[in-house]
């Protein structure tokens, strides 16, 4: 919907993801734990014994202040393929997974390479915030969400070169037909 040199704004339609909450201090440990449970789910650890094709990205959303000692907690998610959107298979209870239904939303996105790690995800999110503050999106309101931001990872952990990751933050455009920045602050 909108593109600049260091970020873009995308419009995502309604969708259903399967989420794995993780109360961890470490982004990396939370992502590994959540991914492992989600992988079991797509391999058939669900009440239908359905095998579900793996999708990308793996999305790790940061839940601020919800973890131990007021640290962040996380929700790791897989997008459910089209054939499972209306009726997702129920995960086995011991996996502690929950469907996450999204309404249509505008998301500001900043790409970064390498591995998403505890020591770089906050810096990447800060870079996106600075870019937004210097753009036509400076007056956009950030949608109140249960997540501060999300990290989208597109590659297998066994790929070392040419990795693609993104920081996502939900923004609110003022145009009902799509994601458009507010060019004038509201009075």
Protein backbone atom coordinates (compact mmCIF):
# COMPACT_ATOMS: atom_id res chain seq x y z
CA UNK A 1 0.00 0.00 0.00
CA UNK A 2 2.93 2.32 0.72
CA UNK A 3 6.66 1.94 0.27
CA UNK A 4 9.72 3.95 1.29
CA UNK A 5 13.42 3.13 1.16
CA UNK A 6 13.55 1.40 4.56
CA UNK A 7 9.98 0.25 5.25
CA UNK A 8 6.62 -0.48 3.67
CA UNK A 9 3.01 -0.65 4.79
CA UNK A 10 1.01 -3.72 3.78
CA UNK A 11 -2.68 -4.52 3.99
CA UNK A 12 -3.35 -8.01 5.37
CA UNK A 13 -6.85 -9.46 5.03
CA UNK A 14 -8.73 -11.53 7.56
CA UNK A 15 -6.87 -14.71 8.42
CA UNK A 16 -6.43 -17.39 11.04
CA UNK A 17 -3.08 -18.33 12.55
CA UNK A 18 -2.28 -21.00 15.13
CA UNK A 19 -0.44 -19.54 18.11
CA UNK A 20 1.83 -20.97 20.78
CA UNK A 21 2.12 -18.71 23.84
CA UNK A 22 5.52 -18.82 25.55
CA UNK A 23 6.42 -17.24 28.89
CA UNK A 24 10.15 -16.96 28.34
CA UNK A 25 12.61 -14.15 28.87
CA UNK A 26 14.53 -15.05 25.71
CA UNK A 27 13.08 -14.41 22.24
CA UNK A 28 15.22 -17.23 20.87
CA UNK A 29 14.11 -19.80 23.46
CA UNK A 30 10.47 -18.77 23.11
CA UNK A 31 10.63 -19.10 19.32
CA UNK A 32 12.25 -22.56 19.54
CA UNK A 33 9.69 -23.76 22.10
CA UNK A 34 6.70 -22.36 20.19
CA UNK A 35 7.98 -23.61 16.85
CA UNK A 36 8.46 -27.12 18.25
CA UNK A 37 4.85 -27.27 19.52
CA UNK A 38 3.49 -25.82 16.26
CA UNK A 39 5.54 -28.30 14.23
CA UNK A 40 4.00 -31.19 16.20
CA UNK A 41 0.55 -29.72 15.45
CA UNK A 42 1.14 -29.53 11.67
CA UNK A 43 2.63 -33.03 11.65
CA UNK A 44 -0.67 -34.44 12.97
CA UNK A 45 -0.77 -33.74 16.74
CA UNK A 46 -4.33 -32.50 16.44
CA UNK A 47 -7.72 -34.08 17.08
CA UNK A 48 -8.25 -34.70 13.33
CA UNK A 49 -4.76 -36.20 12.88
CA UNK A 50 -4.50 -33.79 9.92
CA UNK A 51 -1.14 -33.03 8.36
CA UNK A 52 -0.96 -29.35 7.58
CA UNK A 53 1.48 -27.83 5.07
CA UNK A 54 4.06 -25.58 6.71
CA UNK A 55 3.76 -21.90 5.88
CA UNK A 56 6.07 -18.93 6.21
CA UNK A 57 6.72 -16.71 7.97
CA UNK A 58 7.04 -18.03 11.47
CA UNK A 59 5.78 -15.01 13.39
CA UNK A 60 6.95 -14.30 16.94
CA UNK A 61 4.91 -11.54 18.56
CA UNK A 62 6.18 -9.72 21.64
CA UNK A 63 3.69 -9.41 24.53
CA UNK A 64 5.17 -6.61 26.67
CA UNK A 65 5.36 -7.01 30.44
CA UNK A 66 3.55 -10.36 30.54
CA UNK A 67 6.46 -12.66 31.31
CA UNK A 68 8.47 -13.44 34.44
CA UNK A 69 9.71 -10.37 36.37
CA UNK A 70 7.69 -8.06 34.06
CA UNK A 71 9.74 -9.16 31.06
CA UNK A 72 8.24 -9.84 27.68
CA UNK A 73 6.36 -12.98 26.82
CA UNK A 74 5.79 -14.19 23.28
CA UNK A 75 3.25 -15.77 20.96
CA UNK A 76 4.73 -17.81 18.12
CA UNK A 77 2.41 -18.33 15.13
CA UNK A 78 1.97 -20.23 11.88
CA UNK A 79 -0.47 -18.99 9.25
CA UNK A 80 -3.03 -21.71 8.53
CA UNK A 81 -3.32 -22.61 4.82
CA UNK A 82 -6.55 -21.63 3.01
CA UNK A 83 -8.16 -25.07 3.38
CA UNK A 84 -7.94 -24.76 7.20
CA UNK A 85 -8.96 -21.10 7.58
CA UNK A 86 -12.69 -21.76 8.18
CA UNK A 87 -12.24 -24.80 10.39
CA UNK A 88 -8.78 -25.21 11.92
CA UNK A 89 -8.01 -28.67 13.34
CA UNK A 90 -8.08 -28.66 17.13
CA UNK A 91 -4.59 -29.07 18.59
CA UNK A 92 -3.91 -31.69 21.24
CA UNK A 93 -4.47 -29.95 24.61
CA UNK A 94 -0.95 -30.65 25.91
CA UNK A 95 0.50 -28.50 23.10
CA UNK A 96 -1.15 -25.38 24.57
CA UNK A 97 -1.97 -23.86 21.17
CA UNK A 98 -4.76 -21.44 20.33
CA UNK A 99 -6.18 -20.15 17.04
CA UNK A 100 -5.55 -16.43 16.51
CA UNK A 101 -8.12 -14.77 14.21
CA UNK A 102 -7.01 -11.55 12.55
CA UNK A 103 -9.26 -8.84 11.23
CA UNK A 104 -8.04 -6.89 8.20
CA UNK A 105 -5.12 -4.73 9.30
CA UNK A 106 -2.38 -2.41 8.11
CA UNK A 107 1.13 -3.47 9.08
CA UNK A 108 4.32 -1.42 8.82
CA UNK A 109 7.23 -3.70 7.89
CA UNK A 110 11.01 -3.31 8.00
CA UNK A 111 13.24 -6.03 6.51
CA UNK A 112 16.53 -7.15 8.01
CA UNK A 113 18.98 -9.94 7.26
CA UNK A 114 20.87 -12.46 9.34
CA UNK A 115 19.39 -14.35 12.24
CA UNK A 116 16.72 -12.82 14.50
CA UNK A 117 18.33 -12.90 17.93
CA UNK A 118 17.78 -11.56 21.43
CA UNK A 119 20.51 -8.98 20.81
CA UNK A 120 19.10 -7.48 17.58
CA UNK A 121 15.29 -7.64 17.50
CA UNK A 122 14.74 -4.60 19.74
CA UNK A 123 17.24 -2.58 17.67
CA UNK A 124 15.40 -3.52 14.47
CA UNK A 125 12.04 -2.54 16.01
CA UNK A 126 13.56 0.80 17.09
CA UNK A 127 14.81 1.42 13.53
CA UNK A 128 11.27 0.87 12.22
CA UNK A 129 9.87 3.28 14.82
CA UNK A 130 12.40 5.96 13.82
CA UNK A 131 11.65 5.47 10.11
CA UNK A 132 7.92 5.78 10.75
CA UNK A 133 8.44 8.94 12.83
CA UNK A 134 10.30 10.58 9.91
CA UNK A 135 7.69 9.70 7.29
CA UNK A 136 4.15 10.53 6.28
CA UNK A 137 3.23 7.87 8.86
CA UNK A 138 4.45 10.09 11.73
CA UNK A 139 0.85 11.10 12.50
CA UNK A 140 -0.54 7.58 12.16
CA UNK A 141 -1.77 6.05 15.34
CA UNK A 142 -0.44 2.71 16.38
CA UNK A 143 -3.32 0.34 16.91
CA UNK A 144 -3.76 -0.80 20.48
CA UNK A 145 -2.80 -4.44 20.28
CA UNK A 146 -1.84 -7.13 22.71
CA UNK A 147 1.54 -7.19 20.93
CA UNK A 148 4.24 -4.51 20.93
CA UNK A 149 5.64 -5.79 17.61
CA UNK A 150 6.30 -9.05 15.80
CA UNK A 151 9.32 -10.63 14.14
CA UNK A 152 8.62 -12.56 10.93
CA UNK A 153 11.21 -15.19 10.01
CA UNK A 154 11.09 -16.69 6.51
CA UNK A 155 14.03 -19.10 6.42
CA UNK A 156 14.97 -22.48 7.84
CA UNK A 157 17.51 -22.27 10.68
CA UNK A 158 19.84 -24.23 8.39
CA UNK A 159 20.03 -21.41 5.84
CA UNK A 160 22.98 -19.16 6.71
CA UNK A 161 23.24 -16.76 3.76
CA UNK A 162 20.54 -14.53 2.29
CA UNK A 163 18.20 -14.78 5.28
CA UNK A 164 15.05 -12.63 5.32
CA UNK A 165 13.38 -11.36 8.48
CA UNK A 166 10.95 -8.53 9.13
CA UNK A 167 9.75 -6.40 12.02
CA UNK A 168 5.96 -5.90 11.91
CA UNK A 169 3.92 -3.30 13.77
CA UNK A 170 0.19 -2.73 13.31
CA UNK A 171 -0.64 0.84 12.23
CA UNK A 172 -3.94 2.57 11.61
CA UNK A 173 -4.48 4.28 8.28
CA UNK A 174 -7.16 6.95 8.00
CA UNK A 175 -8.61 5.72 4.70
CA UNK A 176 -11.32 3.04 4.86
CA UNK A 177 -10.28 1.69 1.45
CA UNK A 178 -6.77 0.83 2.58
CA UNK A 179 -3.68 1.78 4.46
CA UNK A 180 -3.06 5.47 3.89
CA UNK A 181 -1.09 7.72 6.23
CA UNK A 182 -2.68 10.71 7.87
CA UNK A 183 -1.07 13.69 6.22
CA UNK A 184 -2.59 16.21 8.63
CA UNK A 185 -2.89 15.72 12.36
CA UNK A 186 -6.45 15.58 13.66
CA UNK A 187 -7.67 18.66 15.52
